[in-house]
Amino acid sequence: MPVPGEMASSHVASDAGGEGHLLKCLVRVPMPLDQAESTQLLAFRPDDGGLESLALIVGSPSFHGEIPVIVHFQNVAGDLVASLEPGLGPLRQAVARLAALGGGVLLYLAVNGDKAAGIVSAILRHLSIAQPKFLAPLEPGRVSPIGTRKHE
């Protein structure tokens, strides 16, 4: 996989002026979790200073063929409350699900809508994922921004 850095060819959704924004990978660090000991965290920020989006590489997915991908849109209040409740909240469920599949990628996006689709595409290109297999999120009301891809 590429070394984290600026992705000169990865444009996200264009703004009203028609100019695309680049994403920069700020950090890539190991992040062992209860549900998946072998997990890496990557943080991405648009070059315009927008909010960071995260990618968790869970386990050791084979980057050949289809890669399981779950997209989660940031909801700080909801995610915080869910993390305090007993049992597994939606983020922990997603990590556990990817681990059970042998690995995959959880995208935690700070934006949604058209811009989210561009960010998803840019992050997947950075990770060299040519064949994402988008899995439906485990919580109601949150859907993948890319409606034309495979869903499970």
Protein backbone atom coordinates (compact mmCIF):
# COMPACT_ATOMS: atom_id res chain seq x y z
CA MET A 1 0.00 0.00 0.00
CA PRO A 2 1.18 3.55 -0.63
CA VAL A 3 3.02 5.50 2.01
CA PRO A 4 0.71 8.10 3.58
CA GLY A 5 1.05 11.43 1.88
CA GLU A 6 -0.66 13.83 -0.46
CA MET A 7 -2.64 12.15 -3.21
CA ALA A 8 -1.99 14.44 -6.14
CA SER A 9 -4.34 12.55 -8.47
CA SER A 10 -7.18 12.05 -5.96
CA HIS A 11 -9.75 14.80 -6.30
CA VAL A 12 -12.84 14.80 -4.12
CA ALA A 13 -16.17 16.34 -5.06
CA SER A 14 -15.88 19.72 -6.76
CA ASP A 15 -17.06 22.81 -4.99
CA ALA A 16 -19.33 25.43 -6.56
CA GLY A 17 -16.34 26.98 -8.34
CA GLY A 18 -15.57 23.68 -10.06
CA GLU A 19 -12.23 23.14 -8.36
CA GLY A 20 -11.54 19.77 -6.75
CA HIS A 21 -9.84 19.45 -3.39
CA LEU A 22 -7.01 17.07 -2.59
CA LEU A 23 -6.93 14.83 0.44
CA LYS A 24 -3.83 14.44 2.54
CA CYS A 25 -3.17 11.39 4.72
CA LEU A 26 -2.05 12.88 8.03
CA VAL A 27 -1.26 9.74 9.99
CA ARG A 28 -1.19 5.96 9.80
CA VAL A 29 -0.80 4.20 13.14
CA PRO A 30 -1.55 0.81 14.69
CA MET A 31 -4.73 0.90 16.78
CA PRO A 32 -5.39 -2.42 18.51
CA LEU A 33 -9.08 -2.84 19.35
CA ASP A 34 -10.95 -5.40 21.46
CA GLN A 35 -12.82 -6.61 18.38
CA ALA A 36 -9.73 -6.68 16.13
CA GLU A 37 -6.25 -6.59 17.61
CA SER A 38 -4.69 -5.97 14.20
CA THR A 39 -6.19 -2.62 13.18
CA GLN A 40 -4.61 0.47 11.63
CA LEU A 41 -5.99 4.00 11.79
CA LEU A 42 -5.52 6.47 8.94
CA ALA A 43 -6.68 10.10 9.15
CA PHE A 44 -7.36 12.16 6.02
CA ARG A 45 -7.93 15.92 5.74
CA PRO A 46 -8.94 17.93 2.67
CA ASP A 47 -6.31 20.46 1.65
CA ASP A 48 -8.89 23.21 2.19
CA GLY A 49 -8.75 22.52 5.94
CA GLY A 50 -12.08 20.70 6.18
CA LEU A 51 -12.91 18.06 8.77
CA GLU A 52 -10.90 14.84 8.98
CA SER A 53 -12.29 11.53 7.83
CA LEU A 54 -10.89 8.26 9.13
CA ALA A 55 -10.19 4.83 7.69
CA LEU A 56 -9.74 1.78 9.89
CA ILE A 57 -8.04 -1.15 8.21
CA VAL A 58 -9.33 -4.10 10.20
CA GLY A 59 -7.33 -7.31 10.24
CA SER A 60 -5.30 -8.24 7.20
CA PRO A 61 -7.59 -7.98 4.20
CA SER A 62 -6.26 -9.23 0.91
CA PHE A 63 -5.99 -6.18 -1.31
CA HIS A 64 -6.60 -8.37 -4.36
CA GLY A 65 -10.21 -8.83 -5.40
CA GLU A 66 -13.17 -7.53 -3.42
CA ILE A 67 -12.50 -5.79 -0.09
CA PRO A 68 -15.33 -5.46 2.45
CA VAL A 69 -15.99 -1.75 3.15
CA ILE A 70 -18.44 -0.23 5.63
CA VAL A 71 -19.17 3.51 5.47
CA HIS A 72 -20.23 5.27 8.68
CA PHE A 73 -21.15 8.95 8.81
CA GLN A 74 -19.89 10.83 11.84
CA ASN A 75 -22.51 11.57 14.48
CA VAL A 76 -20.52 12.61 17.55
CA ALA A 77 -23.44 12.66 19.99
CA GLY A 78 -24.93 9.40 18.74
CA ASP A 79 -21.57 7.63 18.50
CA LEU A 80 -20.62 8.77 22.01
CA VAL A 81 -23.92 7.65 23.55
CA ALA A 82 -23.73 4.31 21.71
CA SER A 83 -20.18 3.75 23.01
CA LEU A 84 -21.37 4.21 26.60
CA GLU A 85 -24.26 1.74 26.34
CA PRO A 86 -23.79 -1.94 27.22
CA GLY A 87 -22.98 -4.23 24.33
CA LEU A 88 -21.45 -3.29 21.05
CA GLY A 89 -22.37 0.06 19.51
CA PRO A 90 -22.55 0.40 15.73
CA LEU A 91 -18.85 1.19 15.30
CA ARG A 92 -17.73 -1.78 17.39
CA GLN A 93 -20.24 -3.98 15.56
CA ALA A 94 -18.79 -2.85 12.24
CA VAL A 95 -15.22 -3.63 13.37
CA ALA A 96 -16.30 -7.05 14.70
CA ARG A 97 -18.12 -7.78 11.44
CA LEU A 98 -15.08 -6.90 9.33
CA ALA A 99 -12.82 -8.97 11.60
CA ALA A 100 -15.16 -11.96 11.23
CA LEU A 101 -14.87 -11.62 7.45
CA GLY A 102 -11.06 -11.78 7.67
CA GLY A 103 -10.57 -8.05 7.38
CA GLY A 104 -11.82 -4.98 5.61
CA VAL A 105 -12.07 -1.20 5.85
CA LEU A 106 -14.34 0.98 7.98
CA LEU A 107 -14.63 4.54 6.67
CA TYR A 108 -15.70 7.11 9.27
CA LEU A 109 -16.70 10.22 7.33
CA ALA A 110 -17.09 13.73 8.67
CA VAL A 111 -19.27 14.74 5.68
CA ASN A 112 -22.11 13.19 3.69
CA GLY A 113 -23.81 13.73 0.35
CA ASP A 114 -21.97 14.34 -2.91
CA LYS A 115 -18.73 15.35 -1.20
CA ALA A 116 -18.74 12.07 0.77
CA ALA A 117 -18.76 10.01 -2.43
CA GLY A 118 -15.64 11.85 -3.64
CA ILE A 119 -13.90 11.35 -0.30
CA VAL A 120 -14.75 7.63 -0.29
CA SER A 121 -13.33 7.27 -3.80
CA ALA A 122 -10.15 9.18 -2.92
CA ILE A 123 -9.51 7.13 0.24
CA LEU A 124 -10.13 3.85 -1.59
CA ARG A 125 -7.66 4.92 -4.31
CA HIS A 126 -5.10 5.80 -1.63
CA LEU A 127 -5.52 2.31 -0.15
CA SER A 128 -5.28 0.74 -3.64
CA ILE A 129 -8.76 -0.78 -3.31
CA ALA A 130 -10.03 -1.25 -6.84
CA GLN A 131 -12.95 -3.56 -5.97
CA PRO A 132 -14.74 -2.41 -2.82
CA LYS A 133 -17.64 -4.57 -1.65
CA PHE A 134 -19.79 -2.11 0.28
CA LEU A 135 -21.58 -3.74 3.18
CA ALA A 136 -24.78 -2.23 4.51
CA PRO A 137 -24.29 -0.44 7.82
CA LEU A 138 -25.80 -2.19 10.85
CA GLU A 139 -27.81 0.82 11.98
CA PRO A 140 -30.92 2.28 10.38
CA GLY A 141 -30.77 5.61 8.57
CA ARG A 142 -27.14 5.40 7.50
CA VAL A 143 -26.49 4.32 3.94
CA SER A 144 -23.46 4.13 1.73
CA PRO A 145 -23.05 7.27 -0.37
CA ILE A 146 -22.33 5.15 -3.41
CA GLY A 147 -25.60 3.58 -4.49
CA THR A 148 -24.31 1.87 -7.63
CA ARG A 149 -21.82 -0.43 -5.94
CA LYS A 150 -22.38 -3.92 -4.57
CA HIS A 151 -23.98 -4.12 -1.14
CA GLU A 152 -24.31 -7.12 1.15
